[in-house]
Amino acid sequence: MAGARGAVGSSRTACNRLLRNAPRIAWSASSFTTGDASARHDDGAAERYQEDVRRLVPGVVAAAEGPPAMDPDDGLVRLRREESQLRSQVSEMERRLAELTRGDE
């Protein structure tokens, strides 16, 4: 059960990290569309997108001040360690079950 709780915690961490990065993603998209509109000489669209960029900057700055994102390889290592622990627990439970059933015979 501890492994399942760990997996749920890992999922929550991943979701929180995605939510923390959402302002950066939106800012990047708005910055790109601003440049694209400027390249097309669409000044009205470029101005609207530039306002989006300005509106998103505080969220990007706030997200950057949060804890650093975890390396995906670290998460994979942790999941493999948990998998190994769960396999060991299952093996131990199977061994105990075999002992109990031998005692009933």
Protein backbone atom coordinates (compact mmCIF):
# COMPACT_ATOMS: atom_id res chain seq x y z
CA MET A 1 0.00 0.00 0.00
CA ALA A 2 2.91 2.36 0.69
CA GLY A 3 3.96 2.06 -2.97
CA ALA A 4 0.48 3.05 -4.13
CA ARG A 5 0.55 6.10 -1.88
CA GLY A 6 3.95 6.98 -3.30
CA ALA A 7 2.62 6.68 -6.86
CA VAL A 8 -0.31 8.97 -6.03
CA GLY A 9 2.10 11.45 -4.46
CA SER A 10 4.28 11.28 -7.56
CA SER A 11 1.25 11.96 -9.76
CA ARG A 12 0.28 14.93 -7.63
CA THR A 13 3.83 16.26 -7.87
CA ALA A 14 3.77 15.92 -11.65
CA CYS A 15 0.41 17.73 -11.86
CA ASN A 16 1.63 20.51 -9.60
CA ARG A 17 4.75 20.90 -11.74
CA LEU A 18 2.62 21.11 -14.89
CA LEU A 19 0.40 23.75 -13.31
CA ARG A 20 3.48 25.70 -12.21
CA ASN A 21 4.79 25.61 -15.80
CA ALA A 22 1.46 26.60 -17.39
CA PRO A 23 2.21 30.35 -17.24
CA ARG A 24 5.54 29.77 -18.99
CA ILE A 25 3.87 27.71 -21.69
CA ALA A 26 1.19 30.37 -22.27
CA TRP A 27 3.82 33.11 -22.29
CA SER A 28 5.92 31.20 -24.85
CA ALA A 29 2.91 30.69 -27.11
CA SER A 30 1.94 34.37 -26.89
CA SER A 31 5.53 35.45 -27.56
CA PHE A 32 5.65 33.21 -30.63
CA THR A 33 2.34 34.49 -32.01
CA THR A 34 3.47 38.09 -31.40
CA GLY A 35 6.59 37.46 -33.49
CA ASP A 36 4.57 35.67 -36.15
CA ALA A 37 2.06 38.54 -36.40
CA SER A 38 4.90 41.05 -36.62
CA ALA A 39 6.54 39.05 -39.40
CA ARG A 40 3.23 39.13 -41.31
CA HIS A 41 3.02 42.91 -40.72
CA ASP A 42 -0.29 42.40 -38.87
CA ASP A 43 0.23 45.23 -36.38
CA GLY A 44 -3.23 44.87 -34.77
CA ALA A 45 -2.72 41.17 -33.98
CA ALA A 46 0.86 41.78 -32.86
CA GLU A 47 -0.32 44.44 -30.44
CA ARG A 48 -3.03 42.13 -28.99
CA TYR A 49 -0.55 39.30 -28.54
CA GLN A 50 1.97 41.69 -26.98
CA GLU A 51 -0.66 42.67 -24.41
CA ASP A 52 -1.15 38.96 -23.64
CA VAL A 53 2.60 38.62 -23.11
CA ARG A 54 2.60 41.61 -20.72
CA ARG A 55 -0.38 40.15 -18.83
CA LEU A 56 1.32 36.76 -18.46
CA VAL A 57 4.72 38.02 -17.24
CA PRO A 58 3.78 38.17 -13.51
CA GLY A 59 2.62 34.53 -13.62
CA VAL A 60 5.85 33.45 -15.31
CA VAL A 61 7.92 35.27 -12.71
CA ALA A 62 5.88 33.77 -9.85
CA ALA A 63 6.25 30.26 -11.33
CA ALA A 64 10.00 30.75 -11.67
CA GLU A 65 10.24 31.57 -7.97
CA GLY A 66 8.80 28.15 -7.04
CA PRO A 67 10.91 25.09 -6.26
CA PRO A 68 12.96 23.73 -9.16
CA ALA A 69 11.32 21.08 -11.32
CA MET A 70 12.41 17.51 -10.70
CA ASP A 71 14.48 15.77 -13.35
CA PRO A 72 12.32 13.12 -15.11
CA ASP A 73 15.16 10.62 -14.78
CA ASP A 74 15.01 11.03 -10.98
CA GLY A 75 11.30 10.24 -11.07
CA LEU A 76 11.91 7.16 -13.17
CA VAL A 77 14.61 5.95 -10.78
CA ARG A 78 12.24 6.45 -7.85
CA LEU A 79 9.45 4.57 -9.62
CA ARG A 80 11.78 1.67 -10.41
CA ARG A 81 12.90 1.56 -6.78
CA GLU A 82 9.26 1.47 -5.66
CA GLU A 83 8.53 -1.27 -8.19
CA SER A 84 11.42 -3.31 -6.81
CA GLN A 85 10.15 -2.82 -3.26
CA LEU A 86 6.64 -3.89 -4.28
CA ARG A 87 8.01 -7.00 -6.00
CA SER A 88 9.91 -7.87 -2.82
CA GLN A 89 6.79 -7.37 -0.72
CA VAL A 90 4.73 -9.58 -3.04
CA SER A 91 7.42 -12.29 -2.95
CA GLU A 92 7.48 -12.14 0.84
CA MET A 93 3.67 -12.37 1.02
CA GLU A 94 3.68 -15.35 -1.37
CA ARG A 95 6.33 -17.07 0.77
CA ARG A 96 4.29 -16.52 3.95
CA LEU A 97 1.12 -17.70 2.24
CA ALA A 98 2.89 -20.87 1.10
CA GLU A 99 4.05 -21.47 4.69
CA LEU A 100 0.52 -20.98 6.02
CA THR A 101 -1.02 -23.35 3.50
CA ARG A 102 1.62 -25.99 4.23
CA GLY A 103 0.67 -25.76 7.91
CA ASP A 104 -2.99 -26.52 7.09
CA GLU A 105 -2.20 -29.80 5.32
